[in-house]
């Protein structure tokens, strides 16, 4: 697995390409994945994540976010809304 720092930057940069709201749920916390600071406090403390994606480009965002999470070996589920 790549370092957490590389994963955090990659996730935030990928999310920033989309207009959709992309929220990471880790236990009882909800973090905007476009927020690097939020990711720093979340990715180090949880093992499993849920991604919630809403917006006009949600399908493209789900695909891109799934790829970046898988690339960094992070355990996640995309939640169907």
PDB file of N, CA and C in Angstrom:
ATOM      1  N   UNK A   1       0.840  -1.190   0.000  1.00  0.00           N
ATOM      2  CA  UNK A   1       0.000   0.000   0.000  1.00  0.00           C
ATOM      3  C   UNK A   1       0.879   1.245   0.000  1.00  0.00           C
ATOM      4  N   UNK A   2       0.472   2.239  -0.748  1.00  0.00           N
ATOM      5  CA  UNK A   2       1.195   3.508  -0.790  1.00  0.00           C
ATOM      6  C   UNK A   2       1.047   4.209   0.556  1.00  0.00           C
ATOM      7  N   UNK A   3       1.848   5.223   0.762  1.00  0.00           N
ATOM      8  CA  UNK A   3       1.746   5.966   2.019  1.00  0.00           C
ATOM      9  C   UNK A   3       0.400   6.678   2.100  1.00  0.00           C
ATOM     10  N   UNK A   4      -0.043   6.926   3.334  1.00  0.00           N
ATOM     11  CA  UNK A   4      -1.299   7.646   3.523  1.00  0.00           C
ATOM     12  C   UNK A   4      -1.255   9.022   2.888  1.00  0.00           C
ATOM     13  N   UNK A   5      -0.105   9.704   2.971  1.00  0.00           N
ATOM     14  CA  UNK A   5      -0.011  11.048   2.393  1.00  0.00           C
ATOM     15  C   UNK A   5      -0.281  11.024   0.895  1.00  0.00           C
ATOM     16  N   UNK A   6       0.310  10.064   0.195  1.00  0.00           N
ATOM     17  CA  UNK A   6       0.092   9.951  -1.251  1.00  0.00           C
ATOM     18  C   UNK A   6      -1.369   9.645  -1.542  1.00  0.00           C
ATOM     19  N   UNK A   7      -1.973   8.774  -0.754  1.00  0.00           N
ATOM     20  CA  UNK A   7      -3.380   8.419  -0.945  1.00  0.00           C
ATOM     21  C   UNK A   7      -4.272   9.633  -0.728  1.00  0.00           C
ATOM     22  N   UNK A   8      -4.005  10.391   0.323  1.00  0.00           N
ATOM     23  CA  UNK A   8      -4.819  11.562   0.652  1.00  0.00           C
ATOM     24  C   UNK A   8      -4.770  12.595  -0.468  1.00  0.00           C
ATOM     25  N   UNK A   9      -3.589  12.901  -0.944  1.00  0.00           N
ATOM     26  CA  UNK A   9      -3.448  13.884  -2.022  1.00  0.00           C
ATOM     27  C   UNK A   9      -4.127  13.376  -3.288  1.00  0.00           C
ATOM     28  N   UNK A  10      -3.927  12.113  -3.617  1.00  0.00           N
ATOM     29  CA  UNK A  10      -4.525  11.524  -4.815  1.00  0.00           C
ATOM     30  C   UNK A  10      -6.051  11.549  -4.735  1.00  0.00           C
ATOM     31  N   UNK A  11      -6.600  11.181  -3.588  1.00  0.00           N
ATOM     32  CA  UNK A  11      -8.055  11.173  -3.399  1.00  0.00           C
ATOM     33  C   UNK A  11      -8.616  12.587  -3.529  1.00  0.00           C
ATOM     34  N   UNK A  12      -8.015  13.556  -2.846  1.00  0.00           N
ATOM     35  CA  UNK A  12      -8.512  14.936  -2.884  1.00  0.00           C
ATOM     36  C   UNK A  12      -8.413  15.525  -4.289  1.00  0.00           C
ATOM     37  N   UNK A  13      -7.311  15.261  -4.987  1.00  0.00           N
ATOM     38  CA  UNK A  13      -7.155  15.779  -6.350  1.00  0.00           C
ATOM     39  C   UNK A  13      -8.160  15.144  -7.301  1.00  0.00           C
ATOM     40  N   UNK A  14      -8.391  13.850  -7.162  1.00  0.00           N
ATOM     41  CA  UNK A  14      -9.365  13.169  -8.021  1.00  0.00           C
ATOM     42  C   UNK A  14     -10.762  13.720  -7.760  1.00  0.00           C
ATOM     43  N   UNK A  15     -11.134  13.857  -6.503  1.00  0.00           N
ATOM     44  CA  UNK A  15     -12.458  14.375  -6.149  1.00  0.00           C
ATOM     45  C   UNK A  15     -12.651  15.797  -6.661  1.00  0.00           C
ATOM     46  N   UNK A  16     -11.588  16.588  -6.653  1.00  0.00           N
ATOM     47  CA  UNK A  16     -11.664  17.974  -7.095  1.00  0.00           C
ATOM     48  C   UNK A  16     -12.001  18.147  -8.562  1.00  0.00           C
ATOM     49  N   UNK A  17     -11.880  17.083  -9.344  1.00  0.00           N
ATOM     50  CA  UNK A  17     -12.209  17.155 -10.770  1.00  0.00           C
ATOM     51  C   UNK A  17     -13.716  17.103 -11.025  1.00  0.00           C
ATOM     52  N   UNK A  18     -14.501  16.823  -9.981  1.00  0.00           N
ATOM     53  CA  UNK A  18     -15.937  16.627 -10.167  1.00  0.00           C
ATOM     54  C   UNK A  18     -16.749  17.687  -9.433  1.00  0.00           C
ATOM     55  N   UNK A  19     -17.930  17.978  -9.993  1.00  0.00           N
ATOM     56  CA  UNK A  19     -18.853  18.907  -9.353  1.00  0.00           C
ATOM     57  C   UNK A  19     -19.684  18.226  -8.279  1.00  0.00           C
ATOM     58  N   UNK A  20     -19.804  16.908  -8.355  1.00  0.00           N
ATOM     59  CA  UNK A  20     -20.615  16.160  -7.402  1.00  0.00           C
ATOM     60  C   UNK A  20     -20.085  16.302  -5.981  1.00  0.00           C
ATOM     61  N   UNK A  21     -20.994  16.149  -5.025  1.00  0.00           N
ATOM     62  CA  UNK A  21     -20.612  16.060  -3.623  1.00  0.00           C
ATOM     63  C   UNK A  21     -20.099  14.641  -3.387  1.00  0.00           C
ATOM     64  N   UNK A  22     -18.906  14.514  -2.836  1.00  0.00           N
ATOM     65  CA  UNK A  22     -18.320  13.203  -2.569  1.00  0.00           C
ATOM     66  C   UNK A  22     -17.952  13.173  -1.092  1.00  0.00           C
ATOM     67  N   UNK A  23     -18.655  12.333  -0.353  1.00  0.00           N
ATOM     68  CA  UNK A  23     -18.490  12.279   1.095  1.00  0.00           C
ATOM     69  C   UNK A  23     -18.025  10.892   1.498  1.00  0.00           C
ATOM     70  N   UNK A  24     -17.040  10.857   2.366  1.00  0.00           N
ATOM     71  CA  UNK A  24     -16.497   9.615   2.895  1.00  0.00           C
ATOM     72  C   UNK A  24     -17.076   9.404   4.284  1.00  0.00           C
ATOM     73  N   UNK A  25     -17.668   8.229   4.494  1.00  0.00           N
ATOM     74  CA  UNK A  25     -18.150   7.886   5.826  1.00  0.00           C
ATOM     75  C   UNK A  25     -17.181   6.886   6.433  1.00  0.00           C
ATOM     76  N   UNK A  26     -16.653   7.227   7.590  1.00  0.00           N
ATOM     77  CA  UNK A  26     -15.751   6.348   8.327  1.00  0.00           C
ATOM     78  C   UNK A  26     -16.292   6.264   9.746  1.00  0.00           C
ATOM     79  N   UNK A  27     -16.839   5.114  10.076  1.00  0.00           N
ATOM     80  CA  UNK A  27     -17.520   4.939  11.351  1.00  0.00           C
ATOM     81  C   UNK A  27     -18.625   5.981  11.441  1.00  0.00           C
ATOM     82  N   UNK A  28     -18.591   6.867  12.432  1.00  0.00           N
ATOM     83  CA  UNK A  28     -19.667   7.856  12.564  1.00  0.00           C
ATOM     84  C   UNK A  28     -19.268   9.241  12.063  1.00  0.00           C
ATOM     85  N   UNK A  29     -18.171   9.326  11.305  1.00  0.00           N
ATOM     86  CA  UNK A  29     -17.710  10.612  10.772  1.00  0.00           C
ATOM     87  C   UNK A  29     -18.007  10.707   9.281  1.00  0.00           C
ATOM     88  N   UNK A  30     -18.382  11.901   8.847  1.00  0.00           N
ATOM     89  CA  UNK A  30     -18.615  12.181   7.434  1.00  0.00           C
ATOM     90  C   UNK A  30     -17.635  13.268   7.014  1.00  0.00           C
ATOM     91  N   UNK A  31     -16.833  12.976   5.987  1.00  0.00           N
ATOM     92  CA  UNK A  31     -15.776  13.887   5.560  1.00  0.00           C
ATOM     93  C   UNK A  31     -15.921  14.185   4.072  1.00  0.00           C
ATOM     94  N   UNK A  32     -15.848  15.464   3.708  1.00  0.00           N
ATOM     95  CA  UNK A  32     -15.799  15.856   2.301  1.00  0.00           C
ATOM     96  C   UNK A  32     -14.428  15.443   1.774  1.00  0.00           C
ATOM     97  N   UNK A  33     -14.389  14.551   0.776  1.00  0.00           N
ATOM     98  CA  UNK A  33     -13.095  14.046   0.314  1.00  0.00           C
ATOM     99  C   UNK A  33     -12.288  15.096  -0.454  1.00  0.00           C
ATOM    100  N   UNK A  34     -12.873  16.243  -0.712  1.00  0.00           N
ATOM    101  CA  UNK A  34     -12.113  17.333  -1.326  1.00  0.00           C
ATOM    102  C   UNK A  34     -11.294  18.082  -0.272  1.00  0.00           C
ATOM    103  N   UNK A  35     -11.495  17.734   1.004  1.00  0.00           N
ATOM    104  CA  UNK A  35     -10.791  18.361   2.124  1.00  0.00           C
ATOM    105  C   UNK A  35      -9.593  17.510   2.539  1.00  0.00           C
ATOM    106  N   UNK A  36      -8.404  17.977   2.223  1.00  0.00           N
ATOM    107  CA  UNK A  36      -7.192  17.231   2.582  1.00  0.00           C
ATOM    108  C   UNK A  36      -7.080  17.090   4.099  1.00  0.00           C
ATOM    109  N   UNK A  37      -7.384  18.144   4.837  1.00  0.00           N
ATOM    110  CA  UNK A  37      -7.301  18.080   6.295  1.00  0.00           C
ATOM    111  C   UNK A  37      -8.267  17.032   6.851  1.00  0.00           C
ATOM    112  N   UNK A  38      -9.487  17.011   6.337  1.00  0.00           N
ATOM    113  CA  UNK A  38     -10.457  16.012   6.778  1.00  0.00           C
ATOM    114  C   UNK A  38      -9.982  14.598   6.513  1.00  0.00           C
ATOM    115  N   UNK A  39      -9.361  14.394   5.361  1.00  0.00           N
ATOM    116  CA  UNK A  39      -8.846  13.066   5.026  1.00  0.00           C
ATOM    117  C   UNK A  39      -7.699  12.669   5.953  1.00  0.00           C
ATOM    118  N   UNK A  40      -6.827  13.608   6.298  1.00  0.00           N
ATOM    119  CA  UNK A  40      -5.711  13.302   7.198  1.00  0.00           C
ATOM    120  C   UNK A  40      -6.220  12.765   8.530  1.00  0.00           C
ATOM    121  N   UNK A  41      -7.313  13.338   9.039  1.00  0.00           N
ATOM    122  CA  UNK A  41      -7.817  12.898  10.339  1.00  0.00           C
ATOM    123  C   UNK A  41      -8.636  11.623  10.244  1.00  0.00           C
ATOM    124  N   UNK A  42      -9.053  11.244   9.049  1.00  0.00           N
ATOM    125  CA  UNK A  42      -9.925  10.085   8.891  1.00  0.00           C
ATOM    126  C   UNK A  42      -9.197   8.845   8.407  1.00  0.00           C
ATOM    127  N   UNK A  43      -8.356   8.974   7.400  1.00  0.00           N
ATOM    128  CA  UNK A  43      -7.724   7.791   6.812  1.00  0.00           C
ATOM    129  C   UNK A  43      -6.786   7.078   7.769  1.00  0.00           C
ATOM    130  N   UNK A  44      -6.312   7.749   8.786  1.00  0.00           N
ATOM    131  CA  UNK A  44      -5.407   7.098   9.725  1.00  0.00           C
ATOM    132  C   UNK A  44      -6.149   6.350  10.825  1.00  0.00           C
ATOM    133  N   UNK A  45      -7.443   6.618  10.999  1.00  0.00           N
ATOM    134  CA  UNK A  45      -8.138   6.051  12.152  1.00  0.00           C
ATOM    135  C   UNK A  45      -9.158   4.975  11.808  1.00  0.00           C
ATOM    136  N   UNK A  46      -9.419   4.749  10.554  1.00  0.00           N
ATOM    137  CA  UNK A  46     -10.456   3.790  10.173  1.00  0.00           C
ATOM    138  C   UNK A  46      -9.920   2.788   9.171  1.00  0.00           C
ATOM    139  N   UNK A  47     -10.574   1.653   9.104  1.00  0.00           N
ATOM    140  CA  UNK A  47     -10.148   0.601   8.192  1.00  0.00           C
ATOM    141  C   UNK A  47     -11.100   0.420   7.016  1.00  0.00           C
ATOM    142  N   UNK A  48     -12.370   0.732   7.213  1.00  0.00           N
ATOM    143  CA  UNK A  48     -13.375   0.509   6.178  1.00  0.00           C
ATOM    144  C   UNK A  48     -14.155   1.799   5.960  1.00  0.00           C
ATOM    145  N   UNK A  49     -14.449   2.094   4.699  1.00  0.00           N
ATOM    146  CA  UNK A  49     -15.057   3.371   4.358  1.00  0.00           C
ATOM    147  C   UNK A  49     -16.261   3.174   3.453  1.00  0.00           C
ATOM    148  N   UNK A  50     -17.184   4.135   3.504  1.00  0.00           N
ATOM    149  CA  UNK A  50     -18.291   4.191   2.558  1.00  0.00           C
ATOM    150  C   UNK A  50     -18.194   5.518   1.823  1.00  0.00           C
ATOM    151  N   UNK A  51     -18.405   5.469   0.504  1.00  0.00           N
ATOM    152  CA  UNK A  51     -18.410   6.681  -0.308  1.00  0.00           C
ATOM    153  C   UNK A  51     -19.839   7.003  -0.711  1.00  0.00           C
ATOM    154  N   UNK A  52     -20.247   8.234  -0.473  1.00  0.00           N
ATOM    155  CA  UNK A  52     -21.562   8.726  -0.875  1.00  0.00           C
ATOM    156  C   UNK A  52     -21.320   9.799  -1.932  1.00  0.00           C
ATOM    157  N   UNK A  53     -21.875   9.606  -3.129  1.00  0.00           N
ATOM    158  CA  UNK A  53     -21.633  10.533  -4.232  1.00  0.00           C
ATOM    159  C   UNK A  53     -22.974  11.019  -4.774  1.00  0.00           C
ATOM    160  N   UNK A  54     -23.146  12.343  -4.841  1.00  0.00           N
ATOM    161  CA  UNK A  54     -24.383  12.950  -5.343  1.00  0.00           C
ATOM    162  C   UNK A  54     -24.034  14.066  -6.308  1.00  0.00           C
ATOM    163  N   UNK A  55     -24.738  14.127  -7.434  1.00  0.00           N
ATOM    164  CA  UNK A  55     -24.546  15.245  -8.343  1.00  0.00           C
ATOM    165  C   UNK A  55     -24.655  14.840  -9.793  1.00  0.00           C
ATOM    166  N   UNK A  56     -24.527  15.845 -10.653  1.00  0.00           N
ATOM    167  CA  UNK A  56     -24.710  15.644 -12.091  1.00  0.00           C
ATOM    168  C   UNK A  56     -23.698  14.676 -12.684  1.00  0.00           C
ATOM    169  N   UNK A  57     -22.476  14.691 -12.182  1.00  0.00           N
ATOM    170  CA  UNK A  57     -21.443  13.798 -12.722  1.00  0.00           C
ATOM    171  C   UNK A  57     -21.125  12.650 -11.754  1.00  0.00           C
ATOM    172  N   UNK A  58     -22.133  12.228 -10.996  1.00  0.00           N
ATOM    173  CA  UNK A  58     -21.933  11.214  -9.953  1.00  0.00           C
ATOM    174  C   UNK A  58     -21.402   9.891 -10.492  1.00  0.00           C
ATOM    175  N   UNK A  59     -21.905   9.446 -11.635  1.00  0.00           N
ATOM    176  CA  UNK A  59     -21.449   8.146 -12.156  1.00  0.00           C
ATOM    177  C   UNK A  59     -19.965   8.178 -12.495  1.00  0.00           C
ATOM    178  N   UNK A  60     -19.522   9.249 -13.143  1.00  0.00           N
ATOM    179  CA  UNK A  60     -18.104   9.382 -13.470  1.00  0.00           C
ATOM    180  C   UNK A  60     -17.271   9.510 -12.194  1.00  0.00           C
ATOM    181  N   UNK A  61     -17.791  10.252 -11.225  1.00  0.00           N
ATOM    182  CA  UNK A  61     -17.076  10.439  -9.959  1.00  0.00           C
ATOM    183  C   UNK A  61     -16.951   9.118  -9.207  1.00  0.00           C
ATOM    184  N   UNK A  62     -18.023   8.324  -9.186  1.00  0.00           N
ATOM    185  CA  UNK A  62     -17.973   7.020  -8.503  1.00  0.00           C
ATOM    186  C   UNK A  62     -16.897   6.136  -9.112  1.00  0.00           C
ATOM    187  N   UNK A  63     -16.833   6.111 -10.428  1.00  0.00           N
ATOM    188  CA  UNK A  63     -15.838   5.278 -11.114  1.00  0.00           C
ATOM    189  C   UNK A  63     -14.421   5.744 -10.778  1.00  0.00           C
ATOM    190  N   UNK A  64     -14.175   7.042 -10.885  1.00  0.00           N
ATOM    191  CA  UNK A  64     -12.838   7.577 -10.621  1.00  0.00           C
ATOM    192  C   UNK A  64     -12.439   7.380  -9.160  1.00  0.00           C
ATOM    193  N   UNK A  65     -13.367   7.610  -8.239  1.00  0.00           N
ATOM    194  CA  UNK A  65     -13.053   7.454  -6.821  1.00  0.00           C
ATOM    195  C   UNK A  65     -12.818   5.985  -6.477  1.00  0.00           C
ATOM    196  N   UNK A  66     -13.579   5.096  -7.081  1.00  0.00           N
ATOM    197  CA  UNK A  66     -13.361   3.659  -6.864  1.00  0.00           C
ATOM    198  C   UNK A  66     -11.964   3.262  -7.303  1.00  0.00           C
ATOM    199  N   UNK A  67     -11.539   3.785  -8.446  1.00  0.00           N
ATOM    200  CA  UNK A  67     -10.202   3.472  -8.963  1.00  0.00           C
ATOM    201  C   UNK A  67      -9.107   3.985  -8.032  1.00  0.00           C
ATOM    202  N   UNK A  68      -9.245   5.199  -7.525  1.00  0.00           N
ATOM    203  CA  UNK A  68      -8.193   5.765  -6.672  1.00  0.00           C
ATOM    204  C   UNK A  68      -8.151   5.072  -5.306  1.00  0.00           C
ATOM    205  N   UNK A  69      -9.307   4.708  -4.757  1.00  0.00           N
ATOM    206  CA  UNK A  69      -9.312   3.981  -3.483  1.00  0.00           C
ATOM    207  C   UNK A  69      -8.677   2.604  -3.659  1.00  0.00           C
ATOM    208  N   UNK A  70      -9.020   1.919  -4.746  1.00  0.00           N
ATOM    209  CA  UNK A  70      -8.444   0.594  -5.013  1.00  0.00           C
ATOM    210  C   UNK A  70      -6.935   0.695  -5.236  1.00  0.00           C
ATOM    211  N   UNK A  71      -6.506   1.725  -5.954  1.00  0.00           N
ATOM    212  CA  UNK A  71      -5.080   1.938  -6.232  1.00  0.00           C
ATOM    213  C   UNK A  71      -4.258   2.008  -4.947  1.00  0.00           C
ATOM    214  N   UNK A  72      -4.850   2.586  -3.908  1.00  0.00           N
ATOM    215  CA  UNK A  72      -4.135   2.758  -2.643  1.00  0.00           C
ATOM    216  C   UNK A  72      -4.473   1.669  -1.625  1.00  0.00           C
ATOM    217  N   UNK A  73      -5.175   0.628  -2.060  1.00  0.00           N
ATOM    218  CA  UNK A  73      -5.453  -0.510  -1.190  1.00  0.00           C
ATOM    219  C   UNK A  73      -6.396  -0.212  -0.041  1.00  0.00           C
ATOM    220  N   UNK A  74      -7.293   0.749  -0.237  1.00  0.00           N
ATOM    221  CA  UNK A  74      -8.235   1.119   0.816  1.00  0.00           C
ATOM    222  C   UNK A  74      -9.531   0.329   0.669  1.00  0.00           C
ATOM    223  N   UNK A  75     -10.047  -0.163   1.776  1.00  0.00           N
ATOM    224  CA  UNK A  75     -11.280  -0.939   1.797  1.00  0.00           C
ATOM    225  C   UNK A  75     -12.468   0.029   1.802  1.00  0.00           C
ATOM    226  N   UNK A  76     -13.311  -0.052   0.773  1.00  0.00           N
ATOM    227  CA  UNK A  76     -14.409   0.905   0.646  1.00  0.00           C
ATOM    228  C   UNK A  76     -15.616   0.257  -0.020  1.00  0.00           C
ATOM    229  N   UNK A  77     -16.754   0.903   0.153  1.00  0.00           N
ATOM    230  CA  UNK A  77     -17.989   0.535  -0.524  1.00  0.00           C
ATOM    231  C   UNK A  77     -18.605   1.818  -1.056  1.00  0.00           C
ATOM    232  N   UNK A  78     -19.041   1.790  -2.313  1.00  0.00           N
ATOM    233  CA  UNK A  78     -19.778   2.928  -2.849  1.00  0.00           C
ATOM    234  C   UNK A  78     -21.241   2.690  -2.515  1.00  0.00           C
ATOM    235  N   UNK A  79     -21.838   3.618  -1.804  1.00  0.00           N
ATOM    236  CA  UNK A  79     -23.218   3.477  -1.362  1.00  0.00           C
ATOM    237  C   UNK A  79     -24.145   3.945  -2.470  1.00  0.00           C
ATOM    238  N   UNK A  80     -25.054   3.072  -2.875  1.00  0.00           N
ATOM    239  CA  UNK A  80     -26.043   3.427  -3.896  1.00  0.00           C
ATOM    240  C   UNK A  80     -27.131   4.256  -3.234  1.00  0.00           C
ATOM    241  N   UNK A  81     -27.393   5.404  -3.793  1.00  0.00           N
ATOM    242  CA  UNK A  81     -28.402   6.304  -3.213  1.00  0.00           C
ATOM    243  C   UNK A  81     -29.708   6.159  -3.940  1.00  0.00           C
TER     244      UNK A  81
END
